[in-house]
Protein backbone atom coordinates (compact mmCIF):
# COMPACT_ATOMS: atom_id res chain seq x y z
CA UNK A 1 -7.73 188.67 -153.13
CA UNK A 2 -4.99 190.76 -155.59
CA UNK A 3 -2.48 188.58 -157.70
CA UNK A 4 0.15 186.53 -156.40
CA UNK A 5 2.43 188.81 -158.22
CA UNK A 6 0.97 192.23 -156.74
CA UNK A 7 1.87 190.11 -153.41
CA UNK A 8 5.22 189.81 -154.14
CA UNK A 9 5.50 193.38 -155.18
CA UNK A 10 4.88 194.52 -152.08
CA UNK A 11 6.35 192.41 -149.82
CA UNK A 12 9.90 192.96 -151.92
CA UNK A 13 9.28 196.64 -151.73
CA UNK A 14 9.02 197.15 -155.65
CA UNK A 15 7.16 199.94 -156.86
CA UNK A 16 5.72 202.71 -154.83
CA UNK A 17 4.63 200.55 -151.98
CA UNK A 18 8.59 199.52 -151.43
CA UNK A 19 11.65 200.30 -152.97
CA UNK A 20 10.91 203.22 -155.48
CA UNK A 21 8.98 204.63 -152.58
CA UNK A 22 11.01 204.04 -149.76
CA UNK A 23 14.07 205.47 -151.79
CA UNK A 24 11.63 209.06 -152.80
CA UNK A 25 11.06 209.30 -149.06
CA UNK A 26 14.45 208.28 -147.27
CA UNK A 27 15.79 210.63 -150.06
CA UNK A 28 14.24 213.57 -149.59
CA UNK A 29 14.75 213.20 -145.47
CA UNK A 30 18.11 212.90 -146.74
CA UNK A 31 18.74 215.98 -147.93
CA UNK A 32 18.87 217.71 -143.92
CA UNK A 33 22.23 216.00 -144.88
CA UNK A 34 22.91 218.59 -148.07
CA UNK A 35 21.65 221.27 -145.68
CA UNK A 36 24.42 219.65 -142.87
CA UNK A 37 27.11 219.56 -145.55
CA UNK A 38 26.37 223.16 -147.51
CA UNK A 39 26.46 225.15 -144.36
CA UNK A 40 29.47 223.52 -143.20
CA UNK A 41 32.39 223.82 -146.80
CA UNK A 42 30.70 227.13 -147.31
CA UNK A 43 32.75 229.13 -145.46
CA UNK A 44 35.76 227.44 -147.14
CA UNK A 45 35.81 229.89 -150.27
CA UNK A 46 34.84 232.96 -148.33
CA UNK A 47 37.02 232.71 -145.08
CA UNK A 48 40.06 234.39 -146.75
CA UNK A 49 37.75 237.21 -147.74
CA UNK A 50 36.09 237.42 -144.55
CA UNK A 51 39.17 238.01 -142.59
CA UNK A 52 40.11 240.99 -144.91
CA UNK A 53 36.74 242.16 -144.75
CA UNK A 54 36.48 242.34 -141.40
CA UNK A 55 39.87 242.57 -140.92
CA UNK A 56 39.53 239.31 -138.33
CA UNK A 57 42.86 237.89 -136.23
CA UNK A 58 43.49 234.41 -136.14
CA UNK A 59 41.22 233.51 -133.22
CA UNK A 60 38.07 235.86 -134.35
CA UNK A 61 38.34 234.11 -138.12
CA UNK A 62 38.28 230.70 -136.14
CA UNK A 63 35.21 231.43 -134.00
CA UNK A 64 33.64 232.72 -137.39
CA UNK A 65 34.17 229.62 -139.03
CA UNK A 66 33.15 227.43 -136.33
CA UNK A 67 30.21 229.49 -134.89
CA UNK A 68 27.45 227.72 -136.81
CA UNK A 69 28.72 224.92 -134.90
CA UNK A 70 27.86 225.83 -131.61
CA UNK A 71 24.19 226.50 -132.88
CA UNK A 72 24.33 222.81 -134.70
CA UNK A 73 25.19 221.39 -131.21
CA UNK A 74 22.25 223.45 -129.42
CA UNK A 75 19.77 222.46 -132.31
CA UNK A 76 20.35 218.86 -132.02
CA UNK A 77 19.96 218.64 -128.00
CA UNK A 78 16.81 220.16 -128.61
CA UNK A 79 15.86 218.48 -132.26
CA UNK A 80 15.13 215.20 -130.14
CA UNK A 81 12.70 216.46 -127.80
CA UNK A 82 11.08 218.62 -130.55
CA UNK A 83 10.47 215.34 -132.59
CA UNK A 84 9.03 212.96 -129.81
CA UNK A 85 6.33 216.23 -129.01
CA UNK A 86 5.75 217.52 -132.45
CA UNK A 87 6.76 214.91 -134.79
CA UNK A 88 9.31 214.53 -137.49
CA UNK A 89 8.26 216.47 -140.19
CA UNK A 90 8.01 219.70 -138.17
CA UNK A 91 11.63 219.13 -137.25
CA UNK A 92 12.70 219.15 -140.74
CA UNK A 93 10.49 222.43 -141.34
CA UNK A 94 11.66 224.24 -138.83
CA UNK A 95 14.93 223.38 -139.61
CA UNK A 96 14.94 224.52 -142.87
CA UNK A 97 13.04 228.21 -142.31
CA UNK A 98 16.13 228.78 -140.13
CA UNK A 99 18.91 227.82 -142.64
CA UNK A 100 16.61 229.80 -145.11
CA UNK A 101 17.51 233.41 -142.58
CA UNK A 102 20.90 232.32 -141.93
CA UNK A 103 21.42 232.21 -145.42
CA UNK A 104 19.88 236.14 -145.46
CA UNK A 105 21.87 237.23 -142.45
CA UNK A 106 24.45 235.80 -143.57
CA UNK A 107 25.14 237.46 -146.87
CA UNK A 108 23.89 241.13 -145.99
CA UNK A 109 25.64 240.54 -142.39
CA UNK A 110 27.04 244.57 -141.66
CA UNK A 111 29.98 243.19 -139.11
CA UNK A 112 31.29 239.85 -138.06
CA UNK A 113 29.31 239.89 -134.73
CA UNK A 114 26.16 239.64 -137.23
CA UNK A 115 27.43 236.89 -139.93
CA UNK A 116 28.30 235.30 -136.48
CA UNK A 117 24.85 235.55 -135.49
CA UNK A 118 23.69 234.15 -138.56
CA UNK A 119 25.65 231.50 -138.20
CA UNK A 120 24.50 230.27 -135.26
CA UNK A 121 21.00 230.81 -136.33
CA UNK A 122 21.92 228.45 -139.46
CA UNK A 123 23.83 226.02 -137.23
CA UNK A 124 20.79 225.28 -135.01
CA UNK A 125 18.46 224.64 -138.21
CA UNK A 126 21.58 221.97 -139.48
CA UNK A 127 21.64 220.64 -136.04
CA UNK A 128 17.96 219.84 -135.80
CA UNK A 129 18.26 218.62 -139.23
CA UNK A 130 21.43 216.31 -138.73
CA UNK A 131 19.34 214.31 -136.12
CA UNK A 132 15.81 214.28 -137.14
CA UNK A 133 16.99 212.73 -141.35
CA UNK A 134 19.19 209.80 -139.80
CA UNK A 135 16.13 209.09 -137.26
CA UNK A 136 13.09 209.35 -139.81
CA UNK A 137 15.29 206.81 -142.14
CA UNK A 138 15.66 204.58 -139.95
CA UNK A 139 11.68 204.06 -138.39
CA UNK A 140 10.86 204.17 -142.52
CA UNK A 141 13.20 201.53 -144.17
CA UNK A 142 12.85 197.95 -144.22
CA UNK A 143 15.37 196.30 -142.03
CA UNK A 144 17.44 194.37 -145.17
CA UNK A 145 18.34 198.00 -146.79
CA UNK A 146 18.46 200.24 -143.48
CA UNK A 147 22.10 200.46 -143.83
CA UNK A 148 21.86 201.70 -147.47
CA UNK A 149 19.35 204.37 -146.92
CA UNK A 150 20.67 205.24 -143.58
CA UNK A 151 24.07 206.05 -145.40
CA UNK A 152 21.71 208.50 -148.20
CA UNK A 153 22.60 211.03 -145.19
CA UNK A 154 26.41 211.17 -145.61
CA UNK A 155 25.55 211.01 -149.03
CA UNK A 156 23.78 214.35 -148.89
CA UNK A 157 26.32 215.54 -146.44
CA UNK A 158 29.48 215.02 -149.15
CA UNK A 159 27.22 216.39 -151.85
CA UNK A 160 26.21 219.39 -150.03
CA UNK A 161 30.04 219.88 -149.06
CA UNK A 162 30.80 218.90 -152.88
CA UNK A 163 27.75 221.80 -154.24
CA UNK A 164 29.02 224.71 -151.99
CA UNK A 165 32.52 223.96 -153.09
CA UNK A 166 31.98 224.96 -156.82
CA UNK A 167 29.17 226.73 -156.35
CA UNK A 168 32.27 229.14 -154.00
CA UNK A 169 34.39 228.38 -156.89
CA UNK A 170 32.22 229.56 -159.35
CA UNK A 171 31.23 232.57 -157.82
CA UNK A 172 34.86 233.67 -157.25
CA UNK A 173 35.45 232.33 -160.80
CA UNK A 174 33.06 234.62 -162.40
CA UNK A 175 33.61 237.90 -159.89
CA UNK A 176 37.72 237.66 -160.06
CA UNK A 177 38.15 236.69 -156.40
CA UNK A 178 36.26 235.96 -153.19
CA UNK A 179 36.72 239.29 -152.08
CA UNK A 180 35.71 240.94 -155.72
CA UNK A 181 32.47 242.64 -156.15
CA UNK A 182 29.79 240.72 -157.90
CA UNK A 183 26.46 241.04 -158.49
CA UNK A 184 24.59 243.99 -157.79
CA UNK A 185 27.49 245.34 -156.03
CA UNK A 186 27.66 242.70 -153.18
CA UNK A 187 31.24 240.84 -152.66
CA UNK A 188 31.28 237.77 -153.86
CA UNK A 189 31.78 235.77 -150.20
CA UNK A 190 28.05 237.91 -149.80
CA UNK A 191 26.45 235.34 -152.93
CA UNK A 192 28.05 232.54 -151.35
CA UNK A 193 26.81 232.81 -148.34
CA UNK A 194 22.85 233.78 -150.17
CA UNK A 195 23.20 231.09 -152.20
CA UNK A 196 22.79 228.60 -149.69
CA UNK A 197 19.21 229.75 -150.07
CA UNK A 198 18.09 227.61 -152.77
CA UNK A 199 18.93 224.50 -150.85
CA UNK A 200 16.98 225.59 -147.86
CA UNK A 201 13.46 226.15 -150.03
CA UNK A 202 13.96 222.79 -151.74
CA UNK A 203 14.17 220.54 -148.62
CA UNK A 204 11.12 222.62 -146.85
CA UNK A 205 8.80 222.07 -149.60
CA UNK A 206 9.77 218.80 -150.83
CA UNK A 207 9.11 217.86 -146.77
CA UNK A 208 5.51 218.71 -147.68
CA UNK A 209 5.35 215.37 -150.20
CA UNK A 210 6.41 212.99 -147.34
CA UNK A 211 4.84 210.92 -144.82
CA UNK A 212 5.13 210.80 -141.55
CA UNK A 213 6.94 208.25 -139.44
CA UNK A 214 4.78 205.71 -138.68
CA UNK A 215 6.59 204.73 -134.81
CA UNK A 216 6.40 208.45 -133.82
CA UNK A 217 2.05 207.97 -135.23
CA UNK A 218 2.20 204.92 -133.08
CA UNK A 219 4.00 206.55 -130.24
CA UNK A 220 1.43 209.32 -130.18
CA UNK A 221 -1.86 206.58 -130.61
CA UNK A 222 -1.89 207.21 -134.21
CA UNK A 223 -1.97 203.16 -135.15
CA UNK A 224 -4.75 203.18 -137.92
CA UNK A 225 -2.05 206.23 -139.86
CA UNK A 226 1.00 204.39 -138.93
CA UNK A 227 -0.53 200.75 -140.23
CA UNK A 228 -1.73 202.59 -143.69
CA UNK A 229 2.18 204.27 -143.68
CA UNK A 230 4.09 200.90 -142.90
CA UNK A 231 1.71 199.04 -145.89
CA UNK A 232 2.54 201.66 -147.77
CA UNK A 233 6.15 200.89 -147.31
CA UNK A 234 6.32 197.31 -146.40
CA UNK A 235 3.36 196.10 -147.60
CA UNK A 236 0.52 193.94 -146.02
CA UNK A 237 1.76 190.99 -145.29
CA UNK A 238 1.78 190.53 -141.41
CA UNK A 239 1.27 194.50 -140.57
CA UNK A 240 -0.71 194.10 -137.44
CA UNK A 241 2.05 192.02 -135.67
CA UNK A 242 4.41 194.47 -137.01
CA UNK A 243 2.23 197.18 -135.56
CA UNK A 244 1.76 195.53 -132.26
CA UNK A 245 5.26 194.59 -131.69
CA UNK A 246 6.55 198.34 -132.31
CA UNK A 247 3.62 199.56 -130.13
CA UNK A 248 5.11 197.32 -127.75
CA UNK A 249 8.60 199.08 -127.58
CA UNK A 250 6.84 202.40 -127.74
CA UNK A 251 4.94 201.80 -124.97
CA UNK A 252 5.86 204.55 -121.95
CA UNK A 253 4.17 206.00 -119.02
CA UNK A 254 5.42 209.05 -119.08
CA UNK A 255 6.07 211.95 -121.93
CA UNK A 256 9.32 211.52 -123.53
CA UNK A 257 12.57 213.14 -122.08
CA UNK A 258 16.21 212.71 -120.92
CA UNK A 259 15.69 210.29 -118.49
CA UNK A 260 14.68 207.47 -121.43
CA UNK A 261 18.26 207.32 -121.24
CA UNK A 262 18.98 205.67 -118.17
CA UNK A 263 19.01 201.60 -117.97
CA UNK A 264 16.41 200.22 -115.17
CA UNK A 265 19.46 200.16 -112.84
CA UNK A 266 19.26 204.14 -113.29
CA UNK A 267 22.80 204.81 -114.68
CA UNK A 268 23.31 206.30 -118.72
CA UNK A 269 22.68 203.05 -120.15
CA UNK A 270 25.78 201.26 -122.06
CA UNK A 271 24.68 202.22 -125.52
CA UNK A 272 24.76 206.37 -125.07
CA UNK A 273 28.22 206.12 -124.15
CA UNK A 274 29.01 203.94 -126.78
CA UNK A 275 27.02 206.51 -129.10
CA UNK A 276 28.82 209.50 -127.87
CA UNK A 277 32.13 207.83 -128.72
CA UNK A 278 31.52 207.21 -132.22
CA UNK A 279 30.14 210.92 -132.49
CA UNK A 280 33.89 212.53 -130.72
CA UNK A 281 36.29 209.84 -132.95
CA UNK A 282 34.09 210.56 -136.15
CA UNK A 283 35.19 214.69 -135.86
CA UNK A 284 38.46 214.04 -133.83
CA UNK A 285 40.05 212.62 -136.54
CA UNK A 286 40.17 216.20 -138.25
CA UNK A 287 38.10 215.47 -141.51
CA UNK A 288 36.42 218.84 -141.44
CA UNK A 289 39.51 220.11 -141.51
CA UNK A 290 39.99 218.97 -144.71
CA UNK A 291 36.46 220.85 -145.98
CA UNK A 292 36.61 223.80 -143.97
CA UNK A 293 40.35 225.36 -144.20
CA UNK A 294 42.12 223.07 -147.43
CA UNK A 295 41.66 226.27 -149.46
CA UNK A 296 44.10 228.27 -146.49
CA UNK A 297 46.13 225.24 -145.84
CA UNK A 298 46.76 224.25 -149.76
CA UNK A 299 47.90 228.12 -150.63
CA UNK A 300 49.87 228.13 -147.20
CA UNK A 301 52.44 225.55 -148.39
CA UNK A 302 52.49 227.04 -151.89
CA UNK A 303 49.51 226.56 -153.81
CA UNK A 304 47.60 229.44 -155.19
CA UNK A 305 43.64 230.30 -154.52
CA UNK A 306 42.78 228.95 -157.86
CA UNK A 307 44.56 225.76 -157.32
CA UNK A 308 43.52 225.11 -154.63
CA UNK A 309 40.07 225.47 -154.70
CA UNK A 310 40.38 222.84 -157.58
CA UNK A 311 42.06 221.04 -155.00
CA UNK A 312 39.47 220.94 -152.71
CA UNK A 313 36.68 220.40 -155.20
CA UNK A 314 38.69 216.97 -156.50
CA UNK A 315 38.55 215.78 -152.61
CA UNK A 316 34.77 216.83 -152.12
CA UNK A 317 34.26 214.23 -155.31
CA UNK A 318 36.39 211.49 -154.00
CA UNK A 319 34.17 211.93 -150.76
CA UNK A 320 30.86 211.17 -153.17
CA UNK A 321 32.17 208.60 -155.07
CA UNK A 322 33.67 207.17 -151.61
CA UNK A 323 30.47 207.48 -150.14
CA UNK A 324 29.15 205.59 -152.84
CA UNK A 325 30.56 202.42 -152.87
CA UNK A 326 30.12 202.47 -148.77
CA UNK A 327 26.44 202.30 -149.91
CA UNK A 328 26.36 199.88 -152.13
CA UNK A 329 28.88 197.39 -149.65
CA UNK A 330 27.42 198.36 -146.11
CA UNK A 331 24.23 195.48 -146.17
CA UNK A 332 26.26 193.26 -147.27
CA UNK A 333 29.92 193.26 -145.15
CA UNK A 334 28.26 194.92 -142.43
CA UNK A 335 29.19 198.09 -140.18
CA UNK A 336 31.88 196.82 -137.82
CA UNK A 337 34.34 195.66 -140.53
CA UNK A 338 33.75 198.91 -143.14
CA UNK A 339 34.77 200.82 -139.79
CA UNK A 340 37.83 199.13 -138.53
CA UNK A 341 39.22 199.52 -142.30
CA UNK A 342 38.44 202.99 -142.33
CA UNK A 343 40.23 203.88 -138.91
CA UNK A 344 43.82 201.57 -139.84
CA UNK A 345 43.59 203.70 -143.39
CA UNK A 346 43.47 206.91 -141.96
CA UNK A 347 45.87 206.29 -139.47
CA UNK A 348 48.37 205.41 -142.08
CA UNK A 349 47.62 208.57 -144.25
CA UNK A 350 47.06 211.36 -141.34
CA UNK A 351 50.31 209.57 -140.04
CA UNK A 352 51.82 210.18 -143.15
CA UNK A 353 50.91 213.91 -143.76
CA UNK A 354 52.40 214.12 -140.25
CA UNK A 355 55.75 212.76 -141.47
CA UNK A 356 55.56 215.16 -144.82
CA UNK A 357 54.18 218.55 -143.23
CA UNK A 358 57.02 217.78 -140.11
CA UNK A 359 60.18 217.20 -142.46
CA UNK A 360 59.17 220.07 -144.86
CA UNK A 361 61.30 223.19 -144.71
CA UNK A 362 60.09 225.98 -142.56
CA UNK A 363 59.64 229.66 -144.77
CA UNK A 364 58.25 232.60 -143.02
CA UNK A 365 56.27 230.02 -140.04
CA UNK A 366 55.20 228.10 -142.69
CA UNK A 367 56.15 224.61 -144.26
CA UNK A 368 57.03 224.19 -148.10
CA UNK A 369 56.52 221.72 -149.95
CA UNK A 370 59.29 220.90 -152.27
CA UNK A 371 59.74 218.29 -154.74
CA UNK A 372 57.65 215.23 -153.88
CA UNK A 373 56.66 215.94 -150.73
CA UNK A 374 53.48 218.15 -152.33
CA UNK A 375 52.26 215.51 -154.67
CA UNK A 376 52.86 212.65 -152.14
CA UNK A 377 50.44 215.40 -149.53
CA UNK A 378 47.84 215.78 -151.91
CA UNK A 379 48.06 211.63 -152.40
CA UNK A 380 47.72 211.36 -148.16
CA UNK A 381 45.05 213.92 -148.05
CA UNK A 382 43.17 212.46 -150.96
CA UNK A 383 43.05 208.92 -149.62
CA UNK A 384 42.56 210.03 -146.00
CA UNK A 385 38.93 211.47 -147.62
CA UNK A 386 38.86 208.09 -149.11
CA UNK A 387 39.13 205.83 -146.31
CA UNK A 388 36.83 208.56 -143.96
CA UNK A 389 34.13 208.30 -147.18
CA UNK A 390 34.10 204.33 -147.03
CA UNK A 391 33.64 203.84 -143.70
CA UNK A 392 33.09 206.53 -140.75
CA UNK A 393 31.64 209.18 -142.72
CA UNK A 394 28.24 207.26 -143.41
CA UNK A 395 28.16 203.88 -140.97
CA UNK A 396 28.54 206.62 -138.23
CA UNK A 397 25.26 208.12 -139.19
CA UNK A 398 23.73 204.45 -140.10
CA UNK A 399 24.84 203.34 -136.48
CA UNK A 400 23.84 206.23 -134.70
CA UNK A 401 20.07 205.94 -136.00
CA UNK A 402 20.11 201.87 -135.51
CA UNK A 403 21.70 201.55 -132.13
CA UNK A 404 19.25 203.22 -129.62
CA UNK A 405 16.49 201.39 -128.81
CA UNK A 406 12.75 202.85 -129.84
CA UNK A 407 12.25 204.36 -126.99
CA UNK A 408 15.06 206.37 -126.58
CA UNK A 409 16.34 206.72 -130.28
CA UNK A 410 15.19 210.26 -130.33
CA UNK A 411 16.96 211.32 -127.29
CA UNK A 412 20.07 209.31 -127.87
CA UNK A 413 20.61 210.45 -131.83
CA UNK A 414 19.57 213.96 -130.44
CA UNK A 415 22.78 213.66 -127.33
CA UNK A 416 25.00 211.72 -129.98
CA UNK A 417 24.70 214.19 -132.88
CA UNK A 418 25.26 217.35 -130.03
CA UNK A 419 28.30 215.58 -129.09
CA UNK A 420 29.06 215.42 -132.70
CA UNK A 421 29.06 219.11 -132.92
CA UNK A 422 30.95 220.27 -129.72
CA UNK A 423 33.83 218.02 -130.88
CA UNK A 424 33.55 219.48 -134.97
CA UNK A 425 33.68 222.74 -133.09
CA UNK A 426 36.67 222.04 -131.10
CA UNK A 427 38.67 220.45 -133.86
CA UNK A 428 37.39 223.34 -135.89
CA UNK A 429 38.25 226.46 -133.68
CA UNK A 430 41.22 224.88 -132.78
CA UNK A 431 42.91 224.32 -136.05
CA UNK A 432 44.25 228.14 -136.82
CA UNK A 433 46.35 227.88 -133.65
CA UNK A 434 47.47 224.82 -134.34
CA UNK A 435 48.73 224.97 -138.06
CA UNK A 436 50.38 227.91 -136.80
CA UNK A 437 52.13 226.21 -134.60
CA UNK A 438 53.02 223.19 -135.95
CA UNK A 439 50.93 221.59 -139.05
CA UNK A 440 53.17 218.11 -138.11
CA UNK A 441 51.42 218.17 -134.60
CA UNK A 442 47.81 218.92 -135.57
CA UNK A 443 47.95 215.80 -138.31
CA UNK A 444 50.14 213.96 -135.71
CA UNK A 445 47.07 214.44 -133.23
CA UNK A 446 44.19 213.46 -135.76
CA UNK A 447 46.44 210.11 -136.40
CA UNK A 448 46.04 209.28 -133.01
CA UNK A 449 42.88 209.53 -132.63
CA UNK A 450 42.30 207.28 -135.90
CA UNK A 451 44.27 204.87 -134.32
CA UNK A 452 42.48 205.00 -131.14
CA UNK A 453 39.06 204.37 -133.13
CA UNK A 454 40.25 201.12 -133.98
CA UNK A 455 40.53 199.80 -130.52
CA UNK A 456 37.20 201.72 -129.68
CA UNK A 457 35.58 199.72 -132.39
CA UNK A 458 37.10 196.38 -131.92
CA UNK A 459 35.97 196.58 -128.55
CA UNK A 460 32.69 197.97 -128.26
CA UNK A 461 30.81 198.16 -131.60
CA UNK A 462 28.34 195.48 -132.10
CA UNK A 463 26.96 194.53 -135.46
CA UNK A 464 23.32 195.90 -136.37
CA UNK A 465 22.54 194.32 -140.15
CA UNK A 466 19.87 192.97 -140.53
CA UNK A 467 18.32 193.38 -137.17
CA UNK A 468 14.79 195.09 -136.74
CA UNK A 469 14.71 198.75 -134.48
CA UNK A 470 12.34 196.77 -132.65
CA UNK A 471 15.22 193.84 -131.44
CA UNK A 472 17.98 196.84 -130.23
CA UNK A 473 18.85 196.38 -126.79
CA UNK A 474 20.30 199.36 -124.59
């Protein structure tokens, strides 16, 4: 018989059998989010140089920026089925390879069409990683810390954004501009893309060091393997009962498919529609405009390229800090309260930006911020990032990983993430045209979406704090 202290360590989650071991495993899985963030933001520093190099018009530029999102949507829709058939780890490794191929292809792209093609390839991998990381973390995390561990996905995303922007800034500064020659005669913007190979290799290599999801193993009738992993993660107490409970919720007569998203009455389950709503609202409030186009935006309203880079990096840093706040509070306050607070704050800050841009004088078709308008716009933009970072950023990923029953988790998360990427694509590809038409209109639309998200949360979102995944009903 083990000493009592060891039994307590196992059940409470200390040491490798719990806390530190689960955190390490979840952190590796969350690196998929780092690919997401890195790929999303790398275009920010390169966009002006890409436009100049390939002589792209606004429509072509918007498509080049948003092209990765099309691949991400497709990758997300496929990831759930692959994960249910091949396993969670296999999907992580496929995503890492696709991301590596994208880094090389975009870095050496001879034309805009080739760059778009490899952006789509990378997006496909990122979409797969964006689905599998939160699903895997939810399936290995104890319920008492699942919110904090699930929020690691968003922390990885914002860290990827920050690292990407910082690397872009360093390369541009060393080269003397994003369009200037750098190492081996390649332009700086090409090295920005080539640098993506580093996180891709890191993600793929570290995925070899973590175990398969025990819920996937039980679904594949590999119960002894699942039991061994669960014992290391949550301890040996009542392990047989836990395995049996999981087995009952994973039991199915047919192979996993999109049909799993239907309720017994044959209609799409209500939770699926709610998941789609969460995904769409997270993007329609316009957060990625800040990180995809912020350099272009701040240059357009009077800042130079170097100042715009610094402003963007500051915003990314704020995003990381506020995500850490969400990680610290999500299991204490719950998911729904954080979403409500975030929706209110985003509505106020986006409305403020809309008013500022709407009242600024227009010179050569662009608003010019004079006097206090510049600082006010910067403060409003960064407070918007704060509001998103402590609420809709991390909480949506946590909810999407928790809210679906076991039998439909991979498929439900896959569909919702696909909708998220499509929404991201819509917002990204429309912003250049909206910017040229009216920044006030663009931010006014995002403010309206933030307001609508508040009513959506109040009416439809149910709290999942502290619930076991097996207690979640469709």
